[in-house]
Amino acid sequence: METLESVIEGCKVGDEAMQAELYRRYSPRFYLLCRRYAPDDDVAQQILVDSFLTIFAEVGHYRGEGAFEGWMQTIVVRQAIRSYKKNQRRWALFEDAEKEDFPYHQPDVGMQMDIREALVRALRLLSEKERRVFNLVAMEEYTLADAAELLKLPESTVKTQYYRAQRFLKKRLMKHLGRHYLKN
């Protein structure tokens, strides 16, 4: 198995086997990241492909400062945001179609509700702007100021969208999972 350093060096010289290895190692993780930003699986896959094309084109600029995975993650997040801006109207149609309510589930004593699935469903009910901000701040751990800069929005707007998303998600998860379930 190749070391990460040898894979990076191979990608810098355009070695297709090393590019394939890098994709194999990181595409599952970054696909999940893309899926949080995209309205459906096809769009997420396209964002992922575009991100890796950018990574392969820009890998020569990676100077070894900081984690390589973090450098790639920044590219993927920025690609997701560019994709949103480019396709904003088309994505709004997906968003409207997915606004359906998900069914109420009361967890049984012997059954555990999949909190992750409930969160994903609730995230899809957020507006696209609130979802992007929530993903950047809560999931990707950007500061509010960094998220505002990345999205080219005033920090006050990002704060408002983030706190609205938090309140909505908390209310939604409490309704569908139950107050006692969230405390555990």
C-alpha atoms as a PDB file:
ATOM      1  CA  MET A   1       0.000   0.000   0.000  1.00  0.00           C
ATOM      2  CA  GLU A   2       1.278   3.409  -0.979  1.00  0.00           C
ATOM      3  CA  THR A   3       1.961   6.106   1.606  1.00  0.00           C
ATOM      4  CA  LEU A   4      -0.027   9.291   1.351  1.00  0.00           C
ATOM      5  CA  GLU A   5       3.136  11.222   0.516  1.00  0.00           C
ATOM      6  CA  SER A   6       3.903   8.937  -2.448  1.00  0.00           C
ATOM      7  CA  VAL A   7       0.297   9.212  -3.647  1.00  0.00           C
ATOM      8  CA  ILE A   8       0.502  13.027  -3.471  1.00  0.00           C
ATOM      9  CA  GLU A   9       3.802  13.053  -5.347  1.00  0.00           C
ATOM     10  CA  GLY A  10       2.364  10.713  -7.979  1.00  0.00           C
ATOM     11  CA  CYS A  11      -0.654  12.998  -8.405  1.00  0.00           C
ATOM     12  CA  LYS A  12       1.656  16.002  -8.811  1.00  0.00           C
ATOM     13  CA  VAL A  13       3.286  14.358 -11.857  1.00  0.00           C
ATOM     14  CA  GLY A  14      -0.075  13.219 -13.271  1.00  0.00           C
ATOM     15  CA  ASP A  15       0.262   9.494 -12.470  1.00  0.00           C
ATOM     16  CA  GLU A  16      -3.226   8.109 -13.159  1.00  0.00           C
ATOM     17  CA  ALA A  17      -2.722   5.137 -10.828  1.00  0.00           C
ATOM     18  CA  MET A  18      -1.935   7.509  -7.952  1.00  0.00           C
ATOM     19  CA  GLN A  19      -4.930   9.691  -8.850  1.00  0.00           C
ATOM     20  CA  ALA A  20      -7.127   6.591  -8.776  1.00  0.00           C
ATOM     21  CA  GLU A  21      -5.648   5.644  -5.393  1.00  0.00           C
ATOM     22  CA  LEU A  22      -6.344   9.101  -3.983  1.00  0.00           C
ATOM     23  CA  TYR A  23      -9.924   8.921  -5.283  1.00  0.00           C
ATOM     24  CA  ARG A  24     -10.379   5.432  -3.826  1.00  0.00           C
ATOM     25  CA  ARG A  25      -9.168   6.570  -0.409  1.00  0.00           C
ATOM     26  CA  TYR A  26     -11.113   9.788  -0.080  1.00  0.00           C
ATOM     27  CA  SER A  27     -14.160   9.648  -2.356  1.00  0.00           C
ATOM     28  CA  PRO A  28     -16.461   7.889   0.173  1.00  0.00           C
ATOM     29  CA  ARG A  29     -15.818  10.532   2.847  1.00  0.00           C
ATOM     30  CA  PHE A  30     -16.080  13.446   0.429  1.00  0.00           C
ATOM     31  CA  TYR A  31     -19.176  12.013  -1.231  1.00  0.00           C
ATOM     32  CA  LEU A  32     -20.955  12.234   2.125  1.00  0.00           C
ATOM     33  CA  LEU A  33     -19.810  15.833   2.418  1.00  0.00           C
ATOM     34  CA  CYS A  34     -21.121  16.568  -1.112  1.00  0.00           C
ATOM     35  CA  ARG A  35     -24.410  14.860  -0.289  1.00  0.00           C
ATOM     36  CA  ARG A  36     -25.008  17.264   2.575  1.00  0.00           C
ATOM     37  CA  TYR A  37     -24.859  20.176   0.136  1.00  0.00           C
ATOM     38  CA  ALA A  38     -26.580  18.656  -2.897  1.00  0.00           C
ATOM     39  CA  PRO A  39     -30.302  18.206  -3.498  1.00  0.00           C
ATOM     40  CA  ASP A  40     -29.871  14.616  -4.761  1.00  0.00           C
ATOM     41  CA  ASP A  41     -27.336  11.830  -5.321  1.00  0.00           C
ATOM     42  CA  ASP A  42     -26.622  12.695  -8.963  1.00  0.00           C
ATOM     43  CA  VAL A  43     -25.711  16.286  -8.134  1.00  0.00           C
ATOM     44  CA  ALA A  44     -23.566  15.114  -5.210  1.00  0.00           C
ATOM     45  CA  GLN A  45     -21.703  12.736  -7.516  1.00  0.00           C
ATOM     46  CA  GLN A  46     -21.104  15.550 -10.020  1.00  0.00           C
ATOM     47  CA  ILE A  47     -19.785  17.844  -7.287  1.00  0.00           C
ATOM     48  CA  LEU A  48     -17.470  15.045  -6.154  1.00  0.00           C
ATOM     49  CA  VAL A  49     -16.117  14.476  -9.667  1.00  0.00           C
ATOM     50  CA  ASP A  50     -15.621  18.205 -10.250  1.00  0.00           C
ATOM     51  CA  SER A  51     -13.876  18.476  -6.882  1.00  0.00           C
ATOM     52  CA  PHE A  52     -11.425  15.694  -7.676  1.00  0.00           C
ATOM     53  CA  LEU A  53     -10.693  17.202 -11.088  1.00  0.00           C
ATOM     54  CA  THR A  54      -9.830  20.446  -9.299  1.00  0.00           C
ATOM     55  CA  ILE A  55      -7.752  18.577  -6.711  1.00  0.00           C
ATOM     56  CA  PHE A  56      -5.770  16.821  -9.464  1.00  0.00           C
ATOM     57  CA  ALA A  57      -5.257  20.108 -11.318  1.00  0.00           C
ATOM     58  CA  GLU A  58      -4.217  22.030  -8.180  1.00  0.00           C
ATOM     59  CA  VAL A  59      -2.253  19.376  -6.257  1.00  0.00           C
ATOM     60  CA  GLY A  60       0.994  20.964  -7.473  1.00  0.00           C
ATOM     61  CA  HIS A  61       0.097  24.035  -5.414  1.00  0.00           C
ATOM     62  CA  TYR A  62      -0.194  22.037  -2.178  1.00  0.00           C
ATOM     63  CA  ARG A  63       2.826  23.108  -0.119  1.00  0.00           C
ATOM     64  CA  GLY A  64       2.586  20.551   2.656  1.00  0.00           C
ATOM     65  CA  GLU A  65       1.388  23.133   5.161  1.00  0.00           C
ATOM     66  CA  GLY A  66      -1.450  21.655   7.170  1.00  0.00           C
ATOM     67  CA  ALA A  67      -3.260  18.400   6.587  1.00  0.00           C
ATOM     68  CA  PHE A  68      -3.673  17.315   2.978  1.00  0.00           C
ATOM     69  CA  GLU A  69      -7.172  16.034   3.753  1.00  0.00           C
ATOM     70  CA  GLY A  70      -8.121  19.477   5.081  1.00  0.00           C
ATOM     71  CA  TRP A  71      -6.751  21.086   1.916  1.00  0.00           C
ATOM     72  CA  MET A  72      -8.878  18.740  -0.197  1.00  0.00           C
ATOM     73  CA  GLN A  73     -11.938  19.303   2.000  1.00  0.00           C
ATOM     74  CA  THR A  74     -11.691  23.052   1.406  1.00  0.00           C
ATOM     75  CA  ILE A  75     -11.736  22.410  -2.343  1.00  0.00           C
ATOM     76  CA  VAL A  76     -14.776  20.118  -2.039  1.00  0.00           C
ATOM     77  CA  VAL A  77     -16.730  22.613   0.085  1.00  0.00           C
ATOM     78  CA  ARG A  78     -15.922  25.473  -2.289  1.00  0.00           C
ATOM     79  CA  GLN A  79     -16.934  23.337  -5.267  1.00  0.00           C
ATOM     80  CA  ALA A  80     -20.252  22.546  -3.573  1.00  0.00           C
ATOM     81  CA  ILE A  81     -20.882  26.244  -2.988  1.00  0.00           C
ATOM     82  CA  ARG A  82     -19.913  27.136  -6.583  1.00  0.00           C
ATOM     83  CA  SER A  83     -22.220  24.413  -7.838  1.00  0.00           C
ATOM     84  CA  TYR A  84     -25.058  25.770  -5.749  1.00  0.00           C
ATOM     85  CA  LYS A  85     -24.549  29.306  -7.033  1.00  0.00           C
ATOM     86  CA  LYS A  86     -24.378  28.080 -10.613  1.00  0.00           C
ATOM     87  CA  ASN A  87     -27.522  25.929 -10.338  1.00  0.00           C
ATOM     88  CA  GLN A  88     -29.479  27.879  -7.728  1.00  0.00           C
ATOM     89  CA  ARG A  89     -32.746  28.047  -9.659  1.00  0.00           C
ATOM     90  CA  ARG A  90     -32.694  24.391 -10.665  1.00  0.00           C
ATOM     91  CA  TRP A  91     -31.902  23.290  -7.100  1.00  0.00           C
ATOM     92  CA  ALA A  92     -34.841  25.341  -5.801  1.00  0.00           C
ATOM     93  CA  LEU A  93     -37.119  22.998  -7.752  1.00  0.00           C
ATOM     94  CA  PHE A  94     -35.586  19.987  -5.974  1.00  0.00           C
ATOM     95  CA  GLU A  95     -35.938  21.757  -2.648  1.00  0.00           C
ATOM     96  CA  ASP A  96     -39.655  22.401  -3.189  1.00  0.00           C
ATOM     97  CA  ALA A  97     -40.244  18.778  -4.206  1.00  0.00           C
ATOM     98  CA  GLU A  98     -38.516  17.483  -1.046  1.00  0.00           C
ATOM     99  CA  LYS A  99     -40.450  19.663   1.398  1.00  0.00           C
ATOM    100  CA  GLU A 100     -42.764  16.764   2.168  1.00  0.00           C
ATOM    101  CA  ASP A 101     -43.066  15.950   5.832  1.00  0.00           C
ATOM    102  CA  PHE A 102     -41.467  12.750   7.033  1.00  0.00           C
ATOM    103  CA  PRO A 103     -43.621  10.335   9.014  1.00  0.00           C
ATOM    104  CA  TYR A 104     -43.811  10.451  12.757  1.00  0.00           C
ATOM    105  CA  HIS A 105     -41.894   7.692  14.528  1.00  0.00           C
ATOM    106  CA  GLN A 106     -42.323   6.958  18.204  1.00  0.00           C
ATOM    107  CA  PRO A 107     -39.335   4.895  19.315  1.00  0.00           C
ATOM    108  CA  ASP A 108     -40.211   1.627  21.033  1.00  0.00           C
ATOM    109  CA  VAL A 109     -38.305   0.492  24.103  1.00  0.00           C
ATOM    110  CA  GLY A 110     -36.631  -2.337  22.186  1.00  0.00           C
ATOM    111  CA  MET A 111     -36.020  -0.300  19.035  1.00  0.00           C
ATOM    112  CA  GLN A 112     -33.528   2.492  18.470  1.00  0.00           C
ATOM    113  CA  MET A 113     -34.451   5.284  16.085  1.00  0.00           C
ATOM    114  CA  ASP A 114     -31.730   6.120  13.630  1.00  0.00           C
ATOM    115  CA  ILE A 115     -30.989   9.669  14.739  1.00  0.00           C
ATOM    116  CA  ARG A 116     -28.670  10.196  11.828  1.00  0.00           C
ATOM    117  CA  GLU A 117     -31.404   9.396   9.307  1.00  0.00           C
ATOM    118  CA  ALA A 118     -33.827  11.672  11.141  1.00  0.00           C
ATOM    119  CA  LEU A 119     -31.264  14.474  11.032  1.00  0.00           C
ATOM    120  CA  VAL A 120     -30.651  13.985   7.300  1.00  0.00           C
ATOM    121  CA  ARG A 121     -34.385  14.117   6.657  1.00  0.00           C
ATOM    122  CA  ALA A 122     -34.764  17.226   8.798  1.00  0.00           C
ATOM    123  CA  LEU A 123     -31.813  18.881   7.050  1.00  0.00           C
ATOM    124  CA  ARG A 124     -33.568  18.416   3.726  1.00  0.00           C
ATOM    125  CA  LEU A 125     -36.479  20.465   5.051  1.00  0.00           C
ATOM    126  CA  LEU A 126     -34.260  23.495   5.687  1.00  0.00           C
ATOM    127  CA  SER A 127     -33.995  26.163   3.030  1.00  0.00           C
ATOM    128  CA  GLU A 128     -30.939  25.728   0.828  1.00  0.00           C
ATOM    129  CA  LYS A 129     -29.267  28.792   2.374  1.00  0.00           C
ATOM    130  CA  GLU A 130     -29.845  27.584   5.930  1.00  0.00           C
ATOM    131  CA  ARG A 131     -28.614  24.092   5.018  1.00  0.00           C
ATOM    132  CA  ARG A 132     -25.376  25.456   3.500  1.00  0.00           C
ATOM    133  CA  VAL A 133     -24.678  27.620   6.547  1.00  0.00           C
ATOM    134  CA  PHE A 134     -25.514  24.804   8.988  1.00  0.00           C
ATOM    135  CA  ASN A 135     -23.257  22.391   7.100  1.00  0.00           C
ATOM    136  CA  LEU A 136     -20.335  24.814   7.123  1.00  0.00           C
ATOM    137  CA  VAL A 137     -20.636  25.800  10.789  1.00  0.00           C
ATOM    138  CA  ALA A 138     -21.940  22.675  12.527  1.00  0.00           C
ATOM    139  CA  MET A 139     -20.600  19.891  10.307  1.00  0.00           C
ATOM    140  CA  GLU A 140     -17.430  21.352   8.793  1.00  0.00           C
ATOM    141  CA  GLU A 141     -16.618  23.413  11.915  1.00  0.00           C
ATOM    142  CA  TYR A 142     -16.040  26.720  10.133  1.00  0.00           C
ATOM    143  CA  THR A 143     -16.436  29.807  12.293  1.00  0.00           C
ATOM    144  CA  LEU A 144     -19.364  32.069  11.518  1.00  0.00           C
ATOM    145  CA  ALA A 145     -16.923  34.663  10.175  1.00  0.00           C
ATOM    146  CA  ASP A 146     -15.196  32.113   7.914  1.00  0.00           C
ATOM    147  CA  ALA A 147     -18.544  30.805   6.657  1.00  0.00           C
ATOM    148  CA  ALA A 148     -19.642  34.369   5.885  1.00  0.00           C
ATOM    149  CA  GLU A 149     -16.443  34.999   3.946  1.00  0.00           C
ATOM    150  CA  LEU A 150     -16.739  31.737   2.028  1.00  0.00           C
ATOM    151  CA  LEU A 151     -20.392  32.375   1.132  1.00  0.00           C
ATOM    152  CA  LYS A 152     -19.741  36.078   0.469  1.00  0.00           C
ATOM    153  CA  LEU A 153     -22.524  37.067   2.882  1.00  0.00           C
ATOM    154  CA  PRO A 154     -22.597  39.454   5.848  1.00  0.00           C
ATOM    155  CA  GLU A 155     -21.711  37.697   9.083  1.00  0.00           C
ATOM    156  CA  SER A 156     -25.024  38.802  10.618  1.00  0.00           C
ATOM    157  CA  THR A 157     -26.905  36.986   7.830  1.00  0.00           C
ATOM    158  CA  VAL A 158     -24.898  33.820   8.409  1.00  0.00           C
ATOM    159  CA  LYS A 159     -25.571  34.013  12.165  1.00  0.00           C
ATOM    160  CA  THR A 160     -29.286  34.427  11.570  1.00  0.00           C
ATOM    161  CA  GLN A 161     -29.441  31.501   9.132  1.00  0.00           C
ATOM    162  CA  TYR A 162     -27.381  29.287  11.434  1.00  0.00           C
ATOM    163  CA  TYR A 163     -29.516  29.965  14.510  1.00  0.00           C
ATOM    164  CA  ARG A 164     -32.754  29.525  12.534  1.00  0.00           C
ATOM    165  CA  ALA A 165     -31.469  26.177  11.271  1.00  0.00           C
ATOM    166  CA  GLN A 166     -30.520  25.114  14.803  1.00  0.00           C
ATOM    167  CA  ARG A 167     -33.934  26.041  16.221  1.00  0.00           C
ATOM    168  CA  PHE A 168     -35.749  24.321  13.350  1.00  0.00           C
ATOM    169  CA  LEU A 169     -33.696  21.118  13.647  1.00  0.00           C
ATOM    170  CA  LYS A 170     -34.077  20.960  17.412  1.00  0.00           C
ATOM    171  CA  LYS A 171     -37.844  21.437  17.185  1.00  0.00           C
ATOM    172  CA  ARG A 172     -38.109  18.906  14.350  1.00  0.00           C
ATOM    173  CA  LEU A 173     -36.049  16.237  16.069  1.00  0.00           C
ATOM    174  CA  MET A 174     -37.886  16.712  19.361  1.00  0.00           C
ATOM    175  CA  LYS A 175     -41.187  16.281  17.582  1.00  0.00           C
ATOM    176  CA  HIS A 176     -40.169  13.116  15.790  1.00  0.00           C
ATOM    177  CA  LEU A 177     -37.833  11.499  18.276  1.00  0.00           C
ATOM    178  CA  GLY A 178     -39.244  12.731  21.552  1.00  0.00           C
ATOM    179  CA  ARG A 179     -37.692  15.000  24.166  1.00  0.00           C
ATOM    180  CA  HIS A 180     -36.337  12.104  26.268  1.00  0.00           C
ATOM    181  CA  TYR A 181     -34.690  10.543  23.225  1.00  0.00           C
ATOM    182  CA  LEU A 182     -32.658  13.670  22.421  1.00  0.00           C
ATOM    183  CA  LYS A 183     -31.412  14.056  25.999  1.00  0.00           C
ATOM    184  CA  ASN A 184     -29.719  10.641  25.809  1.00  0.00           C
END
